[in-house]
Amino acid sequence: MRKAYIHVINVLVRRKFKRKRGPVVSKKVTYDGINFASGLEKYMYQALKKAKIKSEYEGETYQLLDTFHFENESYERQSNGKGEMKNRGCKKVLGIKYTPDFIGSDFIIETKGRANESFPIRWKLFKNYVRTRLPHVTLYKPQKQSECDDVVQLILNKQK
């Protein structure tokens, strides 16, 4: 009985409590005079450079949804959930923009290790933009270094 009790105490003492993870915070990295938002972006850059594939880092921003004026009433709290409910309508609503990581002549690469909360909807909007306005472009979304290497191979095979 005593051994079982001691074992339970040891397990409780050794247990690491997981904290709730906050927003994704990647480590900023500088390489070749370029400030990358993550190590995965730097790795992708190096892989493209090694394979002599021409691309531009964060070279263009796309307007996915235009700014518009919302004429209706809209009763809501502040976007952070605080404050009182009041009419927050009859205002300008800012558009949605998207800047992919790498842009080539016929491809776009978005390296994404851990996606934040807004990324999935923004990615879907961007895919729709590409579908309607850039039909000749191939999208790639590597999430780890081995997938970056796969993307380079796919681009090289497509260029042949």
C-alpha atoms as a PDB file:
ATOM      1  CA  MET A   1       0.000   0.000   0.000  1.00  0.00           C
ATOM      2  CA  ARG A   2       2.777   2.380   0.982  1.00  0.00           C
ATOM      3  CA  LYS A   3       4.709   1.648  -2.253  1.00  0.00           C
ATOM      4  CA  ALA A   4       1.644   2.438  -4.351  1.00  0.00           C
ATOM      5  CA  TYR A   5       1.147   5.717  -2.461  1.00  0.00           C
ATOM      6  CA  ILE A   6       4.799   6.746  -2.998  1.00  0.00           C
ATOM      7  CA  HIS A   7       4.542   5.830  -6.681  1.00  0.00           C
ATOM      8  CA  VAL A   8       1.482   8.104  -7.102  1.00  0.00           C
ATOM      9  CA  ILE A   9       3.319  10.984  -5.404  1.00  0.00           C
ATOM     10  CA  ASN A  10       6.383  10.482  -7.645  1.00  0.00           C
ATOM     11  CA  VAL A  11       4.212  10.489 -10.757  1.00  0.00           C
ATOM     12  CA  LEU A  12       2.495  13.697  -9.652  1.00  0.00           C
ATOM     13  CA  VAL A  13       5.788  15.419  -8.849  1.00  0.00           C
ATOM     14  CA  ARG A  14       7.364  14.429 -12.190  1.00  0.00           C
ATOM     15  CA  ARG A  15       4.316  15.326 -14.274  1.00  0.00           C
ATOM     16  CA  LYS A  16       4.825  18.403 -16.368  1.00  0.00           C
ATOM     17  CA  PHE A  17       1.729  20.491 -16.708  1.00  0.00           C
ATOM     18  CA  LYS A  18       1.104  21.645 -20.242  1.00  0.00           C
ATOM     19  CA  ARG A  19       0.375  25.310 -20.586  1.00  0.00           C
ATOM     20  CA  LYS A  20      -2.068  26.594 -23.135  1.00  0.00           C
ATOM     21  CA  ARG A  21      -0.144  27.574 -26.224  1.00  0.00           C
ATOM     22  CA  GLY A  22      -0.511  31.154 -27.327  1.00  0.00           C
ATOM     23  CA  PRO A  23      -0.159  32.547 -30.815  1.00  0.00           C
ATOM     24  CA  VAL A  24       2.476  31.072 -33.104  1.00  0.00           C
ATOM     25  CA  VAL A  25       5.766  32.882 -32.565  1.00  0.00           C
ATOM     26  CA  SER A  26       8.457  31.809 -35.003  1.00  0.00           C
ATOM     27  CA  LYS A  27      12.118  32.672 -34.658  1.00  0.00           C
ATOM     28  CA  LYS A  28      13.196  35.461 -37.013  1.00  0.00           C
ATOM     29  CA  VAL A  29      16.341  34.619 -39.022  1.00  0.00           C
ATOM     30  CA  THR A  30      18.643  36.741 -41.204  1.00  0.00           C
ATOM     31  CA  TYR A  31      20.520  35.169 -44.113  1.00  0.00           C
ATOM     32  CA  ASP A  32      22.065  36.762 -47.240  1.00  0.00           C
ATOM     33  CA  GLY A  33      20.856  40.133 -45.936  1.00  0.00           C
ATOM     34  CA  ILE A  34      17.223  38.956 -45.992  1.00  0.00           C
ATOM     35  CA  ASN A  35      15.111  38.913 -42.828  1.00  0.00           C
ATOM     36  CA  PHE A  36      13.110  35.688 -42.873  1.00  0.00           C
ATOM     37  CA  ALA A  37      10.076  35.183 -40.630  1.00  0.00           C
ATOM     38  CA  SER A  38      11.130  31.604 -39.784  1.00  0.00           C
ATOM     39  CA  GLY A  39      13.896  29.053 -40.119  1.00  0.00           C
ATOM     40  CA  LEU A  40      11.724  27.067 -42.538  1.00  0.00           C
ATOM     41  CA  GLU A  41      11.566  30.080 -44.895  1.00  0.00           C
ATOM     42  CA  LYS A  42      15.377  30.352 -44.744  1.00  0.00           C
ATOM     43  CA  TYR A  43      15.698  26.636 -45.500  1.00  0.00           C
ATOM     44  CA  MET A  44      13.359  26.971 -48.502  1.00  0.00           C
ATOM     45  CA  TYR A  45      15.373  29.957 -49.764  1.00  0.00           C
ATOM     46  CA  GLN A  46      18.615  27.987 -49.502  1.00  0.00           C
ATOM     47  CA  ALA A  47      17.099  24.957 -51.273  1.00  0.00           C
ATOM     48  CA  LEU A  48      15.792  27.118 -54.146  1.00  0.00           C
ATOM     49  CA  LYS A  49      19.130  28.931 -54.442  1.00  0.00           C
ATOM     50  CA  LYS A  50      21.098  25.655 -54.444  1.00  0.00           C
ATOM     51  CA  ALA A  51      18.865  24.285 -57.219  1.00  0.00           C
ATOM     52  CA  LYS A  52      19.252  27.598 -59.154  1.00  0.00           C
ATOM     53  CA  ILE A  53      15.489  28.151 -59.213  1.00  0.00           C
ATOM     54  CA  LYS A  54      14.685  31.835 -59.597  1.00  0.00           C
ATOM     55  CA  SER A  55      12.198  33.211 -57.103  1.00  0.00           C
ATOM     56  CA  GLU A  56      11.522  36.342 -55.116  1.00  0.00           C
ATOM     57  CA  TYR A  57      11.020  36.381 -51.351  1.00  0.00           C
ATOM     58  CA  GLU A  58       7.764  38.124 -50.363  1.00  0.00           C
ATOM     59  CA  GLY A  59       7.840  39.809 -53.752  1.00  0.00           C
ATOM     60  CA  GLU A  60       4.154  40.616 -54.174  1.00  0.00           C
ATOM     61  CA  THR A  61       1.054  41.193 -52.052  1.00  0.00           C
ATOM     62  CA  TYR A  62      -2.328  40.131 -53.405  1.00  0.00           C
ATOM     63  CA  GLN A  63      -5.618  41.864 -52.583  1.00  0.00           C
ATOM     64  CA  LEU A  64      -7.996  38.983 -51.781  1.00  0.00           C
ATOM     65  CA  LEU A  65     -10.949  41.089 -50.665  1.00  0.00           C
ATOM     66  CA  ASP A  66     -11.377  44.778 -51.375  1.00  0.00           C
ATOM     67  CA  THR A  67     -12.102  47.319 -48.653  1.00  0.00           C
ATOM     68  CA  PHE A  68     -15.810  48.152 -48.467  1.00  0.00           C
ATOM     69  CA  HIS A  69     -18.203  50.299 -46.486  1.00  0.00           C
ATOM     70  CA  PHE A  70     -20.663  48.305 -44.349  1.00  0.00           C
ATOM     71  CA  GLU A  71     -23.901  50.351 -44.403  1.00  0.00           C
ATOM     72  CA  ASN A  72     -25.975  48.163 -42.075  1.00  0.00           C
ATOM     73  CA  GLU A  73     -26.182  48.275 -38.303  1.00  0.00           C
ATOM     74  CA  SER A  74     -24.142  45.607 -36.533  1.00  0.00           C
ATOM     75  CA  TYR A  75     -24.427  45.169 -32.770  1.00  0.00           C
ATOM     76  CA  GLU A  76     -21.332  43.525 -31.355  1.00  0.00           C
ATOM     77  CA  ARG A  77     -18.508  43.809 -28.858  1.00  0.00           C
ATOM     78  CA  GLN A  78     -15.002  44.824 -29.822  1.00  0.00           C
ATOM     79  CA  SER A  79     -13.194  42.212 -31.900  1.00  0.00           C
ATOM     80  CA  ASN A  80     -11.232  41.069 -28.821  1.00  0.00           C
ATOM     81  CA  GLY A  81     -14.536  40.234 -27.068  1.00  0.00           C
ATOM     82  CA  LYS A  82     -14.291  43.068 -24.570  1.00  0.00           C
ATOM     83  CA  GLY A  83     -16.459  46.118 -24.081  1.00  0.00           C
ATOM     84  CA  GLU A  84     -20.173  46.461 -24.347  1.00  0.00           C
ATOM     85  CA  MET A  85     -22.415  45.496 -27.227  1.00  0.00           C
ATOM     86  CA  LYS A  86     -23.117  48.527 -29.341  1.00  0.00           C
ATOM     87  CA  ASN A  87     -23.661  49.428 -32.963  1.00  0.00           C
ATOM     88  CA  ARG A  88     -20.340  48.936 -34.702  1.00  0.00           C
ATOM     89  CA  GLY A  89     -21.803  49.024 -38.199  1.00  0.00           C
ATOM     90  CA  CYS A  90     -21.929  51.868 -40.728  1.00  0.00           C
ATOM     91  CA  LYS A  91     -18.130  51.778 -41.035  1.00  0.00           C
ATOM     92  CA  LYS A  92     -15.370  50.975 -43.482  1.00  0.00           C
ATOM     93  CA  VAL A  93     -14.264  47.318 -43.362  1.00  0.00           C
ATOM     94  CA  LEU A  94     -10.635  46.801 -44.352  1.00  0.00           C
ATOM     95  CA  GLY A  95      -9.824  44.376 -47.141  1.00  0.00           C
ATOM     96  CA  ILE A  96      -7.831  41.180 -46.852  1.00  0.00           C
ATOM     97  CA  LYS A  97      -4.320  40.987 -48.310  1.00  0.00           C
ATOM     98  CA  TYR A  98      -1.964  38.047 -48.643  1.00  0.00           C
ATOM     99  CA  THR A  99       1.801  37.959 -49.198  1.00  0.00           C
ATOM    100  CA  PRO A 100       3.169  34.510 -50.068  1.00  0.00           C
ATOM    101  CA  ASP A 101       6.744  33.610 -49.145  1.00  0.00           C
ATOM    102  CA  PHE A 102       8.243  32.839 -52.565  1.00  0.00           C
ATOM    103  CA  ILE A 103       7.061  33.748 -56.057  1.00  0.00           C
ATOM    104  CA  GLY A 104       8.522  32.288 -59.233  1.00  0.00           C
ATOM    105  CA  SER A 105       7.465  32.616 -62.862  1.00  0.00           C
ATOM    106  CA  ASP A 106       4.968  29.741 -62.629  1.00  0.00           C
ATOM    107  CA  PHE A 107       4.860  28.829 -58.930  1.00  0.00           C
ATOM    108  CA  ILE A 108       4.127  30.253 -55.495  1.00  0.00           C
ATOM    109  CA  ILE A 109       5.454  28.722 -52.275  1.00  0.00           C
ATOM    110  CA  GLU A 110       4.031  29.305 -48.798  1.00  0.00           C
ATOM    111  CA  THR A 111       6.145  27.701 -46.092  1.00  0.00           C
ATOM    112  CA  LYS A 112       4.017  27.097 -43.039  1.00  0.00           C
ATOM    113  CA  GLY A 113       5.284  25.232 -39.995  1.00  0.00           C
ATOM    114  CA  ARG A 114       2.467  25.931 -37.532  1.00  0.00           C
ATOM    115  CA  ALA A 115      -0.450  27.881 -38.933  1.00  0.00           C
ATOM    116  CA  ASN A 116      -2.065  30.641 -36.889  1.00  0.00           C
ATOM    117  CA  GLU A 117      -5.798  30.977 -36.366  1.00  0.00           C
ATOM    118  CA  SER A 118      -6.512  33.127 -39.441  1.00  0.00           C
ATOM    119  CA  PHE A 119      -4.345  31.226 -41.936  1.00  0.00           C
ATOM    120  CA  PRO A 120      -6.804  28.525 -43.133  1.00  0.00           C
ATOM    121  CA  ILE A 121      -9.447  31.023 -44.295  1.00  0.00           C
ATOM    122  CA  ARG A 122      -6.813  33.329 -45.841  1.00  0.00           C
ATOM    123  CA  TRP A 123      -5.274  30.338 -47.658  1.00  0.00           C
ATOM    124  CA  LYS A 124      -8.670  29.333 -49.074  1.00  0.00           C
ATOM    125  CA  LEU A 125      -9.268  32.889 -50.277  1.00  0.00           C
ATOM    126  CA  PHE A 126      -5.814  32.916 -51.869  1.00  0.00           C
ATOM    127  CA  LYS A 127      -6.410  29.586 -53.609  1.00  0.00           C
ATOM    128  CA  ASN A 128      -9.617  31.014 -55.051  1.00  0.00           C
ATOM    129  CA  TYR A 129      -7.680  34.111 -56.211  1.00  0.00           C
ATOM    130  CA  VAL A 130      -5.098  31.885 -57.925  1.00  0.00           C
ATOM    131  CA  ARG A 131      -7.839  29.743 -59.485  1.00  0.00           C
ATOM    132  CA  THR A 132      -9.563  32.744 -61.040  1.00  0.00           C
ATOM    133  CA  ARG A 133      -6.668  35.123 -61.808  1.00  0.00           C
ATOM    134  CA  LEU A 134      -3.470  33.025 -62.015  1.00  0.00           C
ATOM    135  CA  PRO A 135      -4.481  29.694 -63.591  1.00  0.00           C
ATOM    136  CA  HIS A 136      -0.921  29.004 -64.853  1.00  0.00           C
ATOM    137  CA  VAL A 137       0.518  29.085 -61.310  1.00  0.00           C
ATOM    138  CA  THR A 138       1.186  26.000 -59.165  1.00  0.00           C
ATOM    139  CA  LEU A 139       0.922  26.381 -55.385  1.00  0.00           C
ATOM    140  CA  TYR A 140       3.188  24.597 -52.903  1.00  0.00           C
ATOM    141  CA  LYS A 141       2.812  24.607 -49.117  1.00  0.00           C
ATOM    142  CA  PRO A 142       5.687  22.723 -47.448  1.00  0.00           C
ATOM    143  CA  GLN A 143       5.450  22.367 -43.670  1.00  0.00           C
ATOM    144  CA  LYS A 144       8.847  20.831 -42.889  1.00  0.00           C
ATOM    145  CA  GLN A 145      12.338  20.734 -44.387  1.00  0.00           C
ATOM    146  CA  SER A 146      11.914  17.399 -46.163  1.00  0.00           C
ATOM    147  CA  GLU A 147       8.814  18.793 -47.896  1.00  0.00           C
ATOM    148  CA  CYS A 148      10.861  21.844 -48.992  1.00  0.00           C
ATOM    149  CA  ASP A 149      13.252  19.426 -50.689  1.00  0.00           C
ATOM    150  CA  ASP A 150      10.268  17.682 -52.318  1.00  0.00           C
ATOM    151  CA  VAL A 151       8.954  21.029 -53.602  1.00  0.00           C
ATOM    152  CA  VAL A 152      12.324  21.827 -55.202  1.00  0.00           C
ATOM    153  CA  GLN A 153      12.285  18.427 -56.940  1.00  0.00           C
ATOM    154  CA  LEU A 154       8.698  18.950 -58.142  1.00  0.00           C
ATOM    155  CA  ILE A 155       9.590  22.377 -59.582  1.00  0.00           C
ATOM    156  CA  LEU A 156      12.699  21.006 -61.307  1.00  0.00           C
ATOM    157  CA  ASN A 157      10.698  18.100 -62.808  1.00  0.00           C
ATOM    158  CA  LYS A 158       8.036  20.513 -64.057  1.00  0.00           C
ATOM    159  CA  GLN A 159      10.660  22.779 -65.682  1.00  0.00           C
ATOM    160  CA  LYS A 160      12.047  19.881 -67.770  1.00  0.00           C
END
